[in-house]
């Protein structure tokens, strides 16, 4: 008799363990078990789980209320454990930046160049850029005309922002600045032109970052050398002696400077020209060349030993 009495609770315990094991196959996290005969599908194609219970006693109701309050308020009573923290919404930043684009072939080689002045460039040019809506908004704060292209010049030295076909981007004069009007996703290049008889070292920056090493730009770094009466284009951030990462207009969050944590100066392209040491030309030579006459003898001169009577 005693043996049978003990066997029944043991059998019920085994059945209860078996039921728990079967529910662990498709667990449902974050949801309480249904009560009062409610039914919840375990998943597509799976059997529903039905739970029936009689009305709980007052002591059980109090215990369940305390347990529910503990999960709602958290284990320490002041923080919810059932809800994930909601991240604050990111602030939308209008306008254009310049992204770190695809790899393009652009080969360079080392040359010797000594600056006449190490820290003071002979010319400093810049162009700002934005999308058409951004240029329109800034033009409401400042007045100006429309030069028609993104171009800036200082004497014989000039810079321009060009599209991938080589045409100058449209530009707008806003106050004392020239704005290039770009479009997200479009590739652009920086055009450099030297119409002098001297070489210059050219330092270029985009969004405040040096185009060669990608770090914050300053006059102590080295740049590209441009020969007299020539021009070239800078196509991107230099990644090796033979490749660059293309300049492409992008949204602000995708801009290279923003992703590098240095987005303060997004929206401006700068070029500094450093004069070469020992290239100052003799003023007399400059005058001689400047006054050179393409037709120095306008009339036929007499031959040597010629006499007025023709003999």
Protein backbone atom coordinates (compact mmCIF):
# COMPACT_ATOMS: atom_id res chain seq x y z
CA UNK A 1 0.00 0.00 0.00
CA UNK A 2 2.75 2.36 0.89
CA UNK A 3 4.60 1.61 -2.31
CA UNK A 4 1.59 2.45 -4.52
CA UNK A 5 1.02 5.72 -2.73
CA UNK A 6 4.56 6.87 -3.49
CA UNK A 7 4.45 5.78 -7.15
CA UNK A 8 1.62 8.12 -8.15
CA UNK A 9 3.38 11.44 -7.29
CA UNK A 10 6.55 10.20 -8.99
CA UNK A 11 4.60 9.40 -12.18
CA UNK A 12 2.97 12.84 -12.15
CA UNK A 13 6.38 14.49 -11.75
CA UNK A 14 7.77 12.64 -14.76
CA UNK A 15 4.77 13.71 -16.85
CA UNK A 16 5.29 17.33 -15.82
CA UNK A 17 8.98 17.19 -16.80
CA UNK A 18 8.04 15.67 -20.14
CA UNK A 19 5.62 18.53 -20.84
CA UNK A 20 8.29 21.14 -20.05
CA UNK A 21 10.76 19.43 -22.34
CA UNK A 22 8.28 19.45 -25.23
CA UNK A 23 7.64 23.21 -24.86
CA UNK A 24 11.40 23.99 -25.00
CA UNK A 25 11.47 22.90 -28.68
CA UNK A 26 9.84 26.18 -29.82
CA UNK A 27 10.35 28.71 -27.03
CA UNK A 28 8.58 32.05 -27.08
CA UNK A 29 10.60 34.80 -25.43
CA UNK A 30 9.19 38.03 -24.08
CA UNK A 31 5.56 36.85 -23.82
CA UNK A 32 3.83 35.54 -20.71
CA UNK A 33 2.15 32.17 -20.80
CA UNK A 34 -1.59 32.38 -21.57
CA UNK A 35 -3.98 32.13 -18.68
CA UNK A 36 -7.69 31.35 -18.21
CA UNK A 37 -7.87 28.87 -21.09
CA UNK A 38 -6.37 31.27 -23.74
CA UNK A 39 -4.73 29.69 -26.79
CA UNK A 40 -1.48 30.79 -28.48
CA UNK A 41 -0.12 29.18 -31.66
CA UNK A 42 3.40 27.89 -31.18
CA UNK A 43 4.28 28.76 -34.76
CA UNK A 44 3.32 27.98 -38.35
CA UNK A 45 2.35 24.34 -38.69
CA UNK A 46 2.78 23.67 -34.96
CA UNK A 47 0.13 22.62 -32.48
CA UNK A 48 -1.45 25.25 -30.27
CA UNK A 49 -0.73 25.21 -26.57
CA UNK A 50 -3.77 25.44 -24.36
CA UNK A 51 -3.63 26.06 -20.65
CA UNK A 52 -6.60 25.68 -18.33
CA UNK A 53 -6.67 26.55 -14.70
CA UNK A 54 -9.22 27.10 -11.99
CA UNK A 55 -9.61 30.46 -10.30
CA UNK A 56 -6.60 31.07 -8.06
CA UNK A 57 -6.98 31.51 -4.35
CA UNK A 58 -6.45 34.89 -2.72
CA UNK A 59 -2.90 33.99 -1.58
CA UNK A 60 -2.02 32.92 -5.16
CA UNK A 61 -3.58 36.09 -6.61
CA UNK A 62 -1.41 38.22 -4.33
CA UNK A 63 1.70 36.23 -5.24
CA UNK A 64 0.98 36.57 -8.95
CA UNK A 65 0.36 40.31 -8.53
CA UNK A 66 3.68 40.74 -6.74
CA UNK A 67 5.47 38.70 -9.41
CA UNK A 68 3.87 40.75 -12.21
CA UNK A 69 4.87 43.98 -10.51
CA UNK A 70 8.44 42.70 -10.11
CA UNK A 71 8.78 42.00 -13.83
CA UNK A 72 7.13 45.27 -14.73
CA UNK A 73 9.30 47.41 -12.45
CA UNK A 74 12.45 45.32 -12.69
CA UNK A 75 14.35 43.27 -10.14
CA UNK A 76 15.45 46.36 -8.23
CA UNK A 77 12.02 47.98 -8.46
CA UNK A 78 12.90 50.95 -10.65
CA UNK A 79 13.72 49.72 -14.17
CA UNK A 80 11.70 47.74 -16.69
CA UNK A 81 13.27 44.51 -17.96
CA UNK A 82 10.68 43.76 -20.62
CA UNK A 83 11.28 46.74 -22.96
CA UNK A 84 14.46 47.45 -24.97
CA UNK A 85 15.86 51.00 -24.74
CA UNK A 86 14.81 53.17 -27.66
CA UNK A 87 17.79 54.97 -29.26
CA UNK A 88 17.35 58.72 -29.74
CA UNK A 89 16.46 59.71 -33.31
CA UNK A 90 19.45 60.80 -35.41
CA UNK A 91 19.48 64.41 -36.51
CA UNK A 92 19.16 64.77 -40.27
CA UNK A 93 21.97 66.82 -41.76
CA UNK A 94 20.99 68.45 -45.05
CA UNK A 95 23.47 69.22 -47.79
CA UNK A 96 26.34 67.49 -49.59
CA UNK A 97 29.64 66.03 -48.45
CA UNK A 98 32.35 64.12 -50.32
CA UNK A 99 32.55 60.36 -49.93
CA UNK A 100 35.49 57.96 -50.25
CA UNK A 101 34.58 56.54 -53.65
CA UNK A 102 35.70 53.70 -55.89
CA UNK A 103 39.36 53.08 -56.76
CA UNK A 104 40.64 54.82 -59.89
CA UNK A 105 44.01 54.69 -61.62
CA UNK A 106 46.11 57.83 -61.02
CA UNK A 107 49.87 57.38 -61.05
CA UNK A 108 52.41 59.75 -59.47
CA UNK A 109 56.19 59.85 -59.07
CA UNK A 110 58.53 61.70 -56.74
CA UNK A 111 60.22 64.96 -57.86
CA UNK A 112 62.49 67.49 -56.17
CA UNK A 113 60.93 70.80 -55.12
CA UNK A 114 62.10 73.43 -52.63
CA UNK A 115 59.69 76.13 -51.58
CA UNK A 116 60.65 79.79 -51.64
CA UNK A 117 58.54 80.19 -48.46
CA UNK A 118 57.75 77.14 -46.36
CA UNK A 119 54.56 78.37 -44.71
CA UNK A 120 53.12 81.18 -46.84
CA UNK A 121 51.58 80.18 -50.16
CA UNK A 122 51.81 82.48 -53.17
CA UNK A 123 48.08 81.99 -53.78
CA UNK A 124 45.24 80.45 -51.80
CA UNK A 125 42.01 79.54 -53.62
CA UNK A 126 38.83 77.84 -52.46
CA UNK A 127 35.43 76.76 -53.76
CA UNK A 128 32.47 75.85 -51.63
CA UNK A 129 29.88 73.31 -52.72
CA UNK A 130 26.38 72.12 -51.91
CA UNK A 131 23.26 70.84 -53.61
CA UNK A 132 20.95 73.27 -55.41
CA UNK A 133 18.63 73.61 -52.42
CA UNK A 134 21.53 74.37 -50.07
CA UNK A 135 22.97 76.99 -52.42
CA UNK A 136 19.54 78.57 -52.75
CA UNK A 137 19.17 78.78 -48.96
CA UNK A 138 22.60 80.33 -48.38
CA UNK A 139 21.95 82.82 -51.17
CA UNK A 140 18.98 84.09 -49.16
CA UNK A 141 21.43 85.21 -46.47
CA UNK A 142 23.97 86.76 -48.85
CA UNK A 143 23.66 88.47 -52.19
CA UNK A 144 25.67 88.03 -55.36
CA UNK A 145 25.64 87.16 -59.02
CA UNK A 146 25.96 83.95 -60.99
CA UNK A 147 29.33 83.33 -62.68
CA UNK A 148 27.93 80.26 -64.40
CA UNK A 149 30.65 77.82 -63.36
CA UNK A 150 32.56 76.66 -60.29
CA UNK A 151 35.78 78.55 -60.96
CA UNK A 152 38.24 80.62 -58.92
CA UNK A 153 41.38 82.43 -60.06
CA UNK A 154 44.33 84.37 -58.65
CA UNK A 155 46.38 85.92 -61.42
CA UNK A 156 47.85 83.16 -63.55
CA UNK A 157 46.71 80.36 -61.19
CA UNK A 158 43.23 78.90 -61.14
CA UNK A 159 41.09 76.03 -59.87
CA UNK A 160 37.73 74.61 -60.88
CA UNK A 161 35.45 71.74 -59.91
CA UNK A 162 34.56 69.58 -62.91
CA UNK A 163 32.22 66.67 -63.53
CA UNK A 164 33.53 63.33 -64.75
CA UNK A 165 33.23 64.43 -68.37
CA UNK A 166 35.57 67.36 -67.72
CA UNK A 167 32.97 70.16 -67.83
CA UNK A 168 32.98 72.78 -65.09
CA UNK A 169 30.17 72.35 -62.57
CA UNK A 170 27.56 75.10 -62.43
CA UNK A 171 28.43 77.76 -59.91
CA UNK A 172 26.85 80.62 -58.00
CA UNK A 173 28.48 83.72 -56.53
CA UNK A 174 27.19 84.04 -52.97
CA UNK A 175 28.70 86.99 -51.18
CA UNK A 176 32.46 86.67 -51.57
CA UNK A 177 32.32 82.90 -52.12
CA UNK A 178 31.76 80.82 -55.23
CA UNK A 179 29.55 77.77 -54.69
CA UNK A 180 29.63 74.73 -56.94
CA UNK A 181 26.23 73.10 -57.37
CA UNK A 182 26.53 69.32 -57.08
CA UNK A 183 24.28 66.29 -56.92
CA UNK A 184 24.48 63.31 -54.56
CA UNK A 185 26.21 60.32 -56.17
CA UNK A 186 27.94 62.34 -58.90
CA UNK A 187 31.71 62.12 -59.30
CA UNK A 188 33.80 65.27 -59.54
CA UNK A 189 37.46 66.26 -59.93
CA UNK A 190 39.53 69.31 -58.97
CA UNK A 191 41.05 71.06 -61.98
CA UNK A 192 44.35 72.95 -61.44
CA UNK A 193 45.83 75.35 -64.03
CA UNK A 194 49.17 77.17 -64.09
CA UNK A 195 49.55 79.89 -66.74
CA UNK A 196 52.93 81.11 -65.48
CA UNK A 197 56.55 80.35 -66.41
CA UNK A 198 57.26 78.80 -62.99
CA UNK A 199 56.62 75.54 -61.23
CA UNK A 200 54.38 75.49 -58.16
CA UNK A 201 53.71 72.96 -55.44
CA UNK A 202 49.97 72.46 -55.04
CA UNK A 203 48.40 71.43 -51.73
CA UNK A 204 44.73 70.51 -52.00
CA UNK A 205 42.12 69.76 -49.35
CA UNK A 206 38.53 68.54 -49.44
CA UNK A 207 36.28 69.07 -46.41
CA UNK A 208 39.34 70.14 -44.43
CA UNK A 209 41.27 66.91 -45.14
CA UNK A 210 44.47 66.65 -47.18
CA UNK A 211 43.81 64.79 -50.43
CA UNK A 212 47.07 62.81 -50.16
CA UNK A 213 47.05 61.43 -46.61
CA UNK A 214 43.39 61.96 -45.60
CA UNK A 215 44.36 63.75 -42.39
CA UNK A 216 43.62 67.34 -41.41
CA UNK A 217 45.17 69.65 -44.00
CA UNK A 218 47.93 72.13 -43.19
CA UNK A 219 50.69 73.98 -45.03
CA UNK A 220 53.50 71.76 -43.68
CA UNK A 221 52.49 68.79 -45.83
CA UNK A 222 53.73 68.03 -49.33
CA UNK A 223 51.64 68.22 -52.46
CA UNK A 224 51.66 67.92 -56.24
CA UNK A 225 54.05 69.87 -58.50
CA UNK A 226 52.61 71.59 -61.55
CA UNK A 227 54.88 72.65 -64.42
CA UNK A 228 54.68 76.01 -66.24
CA UNK A 229 51.77 76.48 -68.64
CA UNK A 230 50.18 73.15 -67.80
CA UNK A 231 47.12 71.81 -66.01
CA UNK A 232 46.04 68.61 -64.29
CA UNK A 233 43.12 67.20 -62.30
CA UNK A 234 43.00 65.67 -58.82
CA UNK A 235 40.53 62.78 -59.00
CA UNK A 236 40.35 61.57 -55.41
CA UNK A 237 41.94 60.69 -52.09
CA UNK A 238 45.32 59.10 -52.78
CA UNK A 239 45.47 55.44 -51.74
CA UNK A 240 48.79 54.46 -53.37
CA UNK A 241 51.29 55.65 -55.97
CA UNK A 242 48.92 54.38 -58.66
CA UNK A 243 45.37 54.70 -57.28
CA UNK A 244 42.95 57.15 -55.69
CA UNK A 245 39.51 56.84 -54.10
CA UNK A 246 37.21 58.94 -56.28
CA UNK A 247 35.56 62.13 -55.06
CA UNK A 248 31.80 61.60 -55.07
CA UNK A 249 29.15 63.90 -53.68
CA UNK A 250 27.21 62.20 -50.90
CA UNK A 251 24.88 62.90 -48.01
CA UNK A 252 26.54 64.30 -44.90
CA UNK A 253 26.55 61.04 -42.92
CA UNK A 254 28.35 59.22 -45.76
CA UNK A 255 31.02 61.90 -46.19
CA UNK A 256 34.60 60.70 -45.68
CA UNK A 257 35.35 63.51 -43.19
CA UNK A 258 32.21 62.73 -41.17
CA UNK A 259 33.03 59.02 -41.02
CA UNK A 260 36.57 59.87 -39.91
CA UNK A 261 35.14 61.98 -37.08
CA UNK A 262 36.34 65.26 -38.63
CA UNK A 263 33.22 66.66 -40.25
CA UNK A 264 33.55 70.26 -39.06
CA UNK A 265 34.73 71.63 -42.44
CA UNK A 266 32.53 69.70 -44.86
CA UNK A 267 31.54 71.68 -47.94
CA UNK A 268 34.74 73.43 -49.01
CA UNK A 269 37.61 72.58 -51.37
CA UNK A 270 40.90 74.47 -50.96
CA UNK A 271 44.08 74.77 -53.04
CA UNK A 272 47.34 76.42 -51.94
CA UNK A 273 50.12 77.24 -54.45
CA UNK A 274 53.71 77.43 -53.18
CA UNK A 275 56.33 79.16 -55.31
CA UNK A 276 59.61 77.37 -56.04
CA UNK A 277 62.83 78.71 -54.58
CA UNK A 278 65.26 80.41 -57.01
CA UNK A 279 62.75 80.90 -59.81
CA UNK A 280 62.59 84.71 -59.70
CA UNK A 281 63.38 85.95 -63.21
CA UNK A 282 65.77 88.88 -63.85
CA UNK A 283 63.65 92.07 -64.35
CA UNK A 284 65.74 93.08 -67.39
CA UNK A 285 65.06 89.73 -68.99
CA UNK A 286 61.35 90.11 -68.27
CA UNK A 287 61.36 93.55 -69.91
CA UNK A 288 63.26 92.29 -72.95
CA UNK A 289 60.80 89.47 -73.46
CA UNK A 290 57.80 91.67 -72.79
CA UNK A 291 58.90 94.22 -75.47
CA UNK A 292 59.95 91.68 -78.09
CA UNK A 293 58.79 92.82 -81.56
CA UNK A 294 57.53 90.18 -83.98
CA UNK A 295 58.39 92.45 -86.95
CA UNK A 296 61.45 94.46 -85.91
CA UNK A 297 62.33 95.66 -89.45
CA UNK A 298 59.28 97.01 -91.21
CA UNK A 299 61.22 98.28 -94.27
CA UNK A 300 63.88 96.75 -96.47
CA UNK A 301 67.37 97.83 -95.27
CA UNK A 302 70.17 98.57 -97.79
CA UNK A 303 72.76 95.86 -98.27
CA UNK A 304 76.30 96.33 -96.87
CA UNK A 305 78.38 98.91 -98.81
CA UNK A 306 75.34 100.21 -100.66
CA UNK A 307 75.68 103.84 -101.95
CA UNK A 308 72.82 106.24 -102.46
CA UNK A 309 73.49 106.56 -106.23
CA UNK A 310 73.15 102.87 -106.57
CA UNK A 311 76.79 102.21 -107.31
